[in-house]
């Protein structure tokens, strides 16, 4: 069984609640003008993975 090493750090303190987080709207991001930087950014964003579970 996996035990998250950050469990103690990320726990809520007694008497606190999670804040309400509004739904975020998609940003209209323009690619950087520099072609190499734009390529790197596109590649990085293609490999981003967020696992919320």
C-alpha atoms as a PDB file:
ATOM      1  CA  UNK A   1       0.000   0.000   0.000  1.00  0.00           C
ATOM      2  CA  UNK A   2       1.354   3.402  -1.034  1.00  0.00           C
ATOM      3  CA  UNK A   3       1.645   6.057   1.672  1.00  0.00           C
ATOM      4  CA  UNK A   4       1.949   9.615   0.374  1.00  0.00           C
ATOM      5  CA  UNK A   5       5.065  11.154   1.989  1.00  0.00           C
ATOM      6  CA  UNK A   6       3.413  14.605   1.917  1.00  0.00           C
ATOM      7  CA  UNK A   7       0.264  13.440   3.688  1.00  0.00           C
ATOM      8  CA  UNK A   8       1.190  15.093   6.993  1.00  0.00           C
ATOM      9  CA  UNK A   9       2.213  18.353   5.342  1.00  0.00           C
ATOM     10  CA  UNK A  10      -0.895  18.639   3.160  1.00  0.00           C
ATOM     11  CA  UNK A  11      -3.515  17.734   5.762  1.00  0.00           C
ATOM     12  CA  UNK A  12      -6.058  20.306   6.872  1.00  0.00           C
ATOM     13  CA  UNK A  13      -5.602  21.720  10.306  1.00  0.00           C
ATOM     14  CA  UNK A  14      -8.446  21.136  12.766  1.00  0.00           C
ATOM     15  CA  UNK A  15     -11.211  23.709  12.301  1.00  0.00           C
ATOM     16  CA  UNK A  16     -10.252  24.589   8.716  1.00  0.00           C
ATOM     17  CA  UNK A  17     -12.060  23.888   5.465  1.00  0.00           C
ATOM     18  CA  UNK A  18     -11.043  23.660   1.848  1.00  0.00           C
ATOM     19  CA  UNK A  19     -11.600  26.996   0.086  1.00  0.00           C
ATOM     20  CA  UNK A  20     -14.145  27.320  -2.705  1.00  0.00           C
ATOM     21  CA  UNK A  21     -12.235  27.299  -5.974  1.00  0.00           C
ATOM     22  CA  UNK A  22     -14.094  28.731  -8.956  1.00  0.00           C
ATOM     23  CA  UNK A  23     -14.048  26.930 -12.282  1.00  0.00           C
ATOM     24  CA  UNK A  24     -11.213  28.292 -14.383  1.00  0.00           C
ATOM     25  CA  UNK A  25     -11.814  29.485 -17.898  1.00  0.00           C
ATOM     26  CA  UNK A  26      -9.538  28.322 -20.675  1.00  0.00           C
ATOM     27  CA  UNK A  27      -6.805  30.855 -21.382  1.00  0.00           C
ATOM     28  CA  UNK A  28      -6.194  32.109 -24.906  1.00  0.00           C
ATOM     29  CA  UNK A  29      -2.435  31.713 -25.000  1.00  0.00           C
ATOM     30  CA  UNK A  30      -0.504  32.859 -27.999  1.00  0.00           C
ATOM     31  CA  UNK A  31       2.652  31.030 -28.949  1.00  0.00           C
ATOM     32  CA  UNK A  32       5.928  32.855 -28.298  1.00  0.00           C
ATOM     33  CA  UNK A  33       7.383  34.611 -31.341  1.00  0.00           C
ATOM     34  CA  UNK A  34      10.639  32.681 -31.101  1.00  0.00           C
ATOM     35  CA  UNK A  35      10.078  29.506 -33.143  1.00  0.00           C
ATOM     36  CA  UNK A  36      12.331  27.299 -30.988  1.00  0.00           C
ATOM     37  CA  UNK A  37      10.703  28.508 -27.786  1.00  0.00           C
ATOM     38  CA  UNK A  38       7.229  27.964 -29.270  1.00  0.00           C
ATOM     39  CA  UNK A  39       8.195  24.410 -30.266  1.00  0.00           C
ATOM     40  CA  UNK A  40       9.564  23.685 -26.778  1.00  0.00           C
ATOM     41  CA  UNK A  41       6.456  25.088 -25.104  1.00  0.00           C
ATOM     42  CA  UNK A  42       4.139  23.102 -27.386  1.00  0.00           C
ATOM     43  CA  UNK A  43       6.103  19.919 -26.636  1.00  0.00           C
ATOM     44  CA  UNK A  44       6.075  20.571 -22.890  1.00  0.00           C
ATOM     45  CA  UNK A  45       2.317  21.220 -22.827  1.00  0.00           C
ATOM     46  CA  UNK A  46       1.697  18.064 -24.836  1.00  0.00           C
ATOM     47  CA  UNK A  47       3.394  16.046 -22.085  1.00  0.00           C
ATOM     48  CA  UNK A  48       1.754  17.660 -19.040  1.00  0.00           C
ATOM     49  CA  UNK A  49      -0.262  15.204 -17.015  1.00  0.00           C
ATOM     50  CA  UNK A  50      -2.255  16.135 -13.932  1.00  0.00           C
ATOM     51  CA  UNK A  51      -3.502  13.211 -11.891  1.00  0.00           C
ATOM     52  CA  UNK A  52      -6.037  14.592  -9.401  1.00  0.00           C
ATOM     53  CA  UNK A  53      -6.871  11.239  -7.833  1.00  0.00           C
END
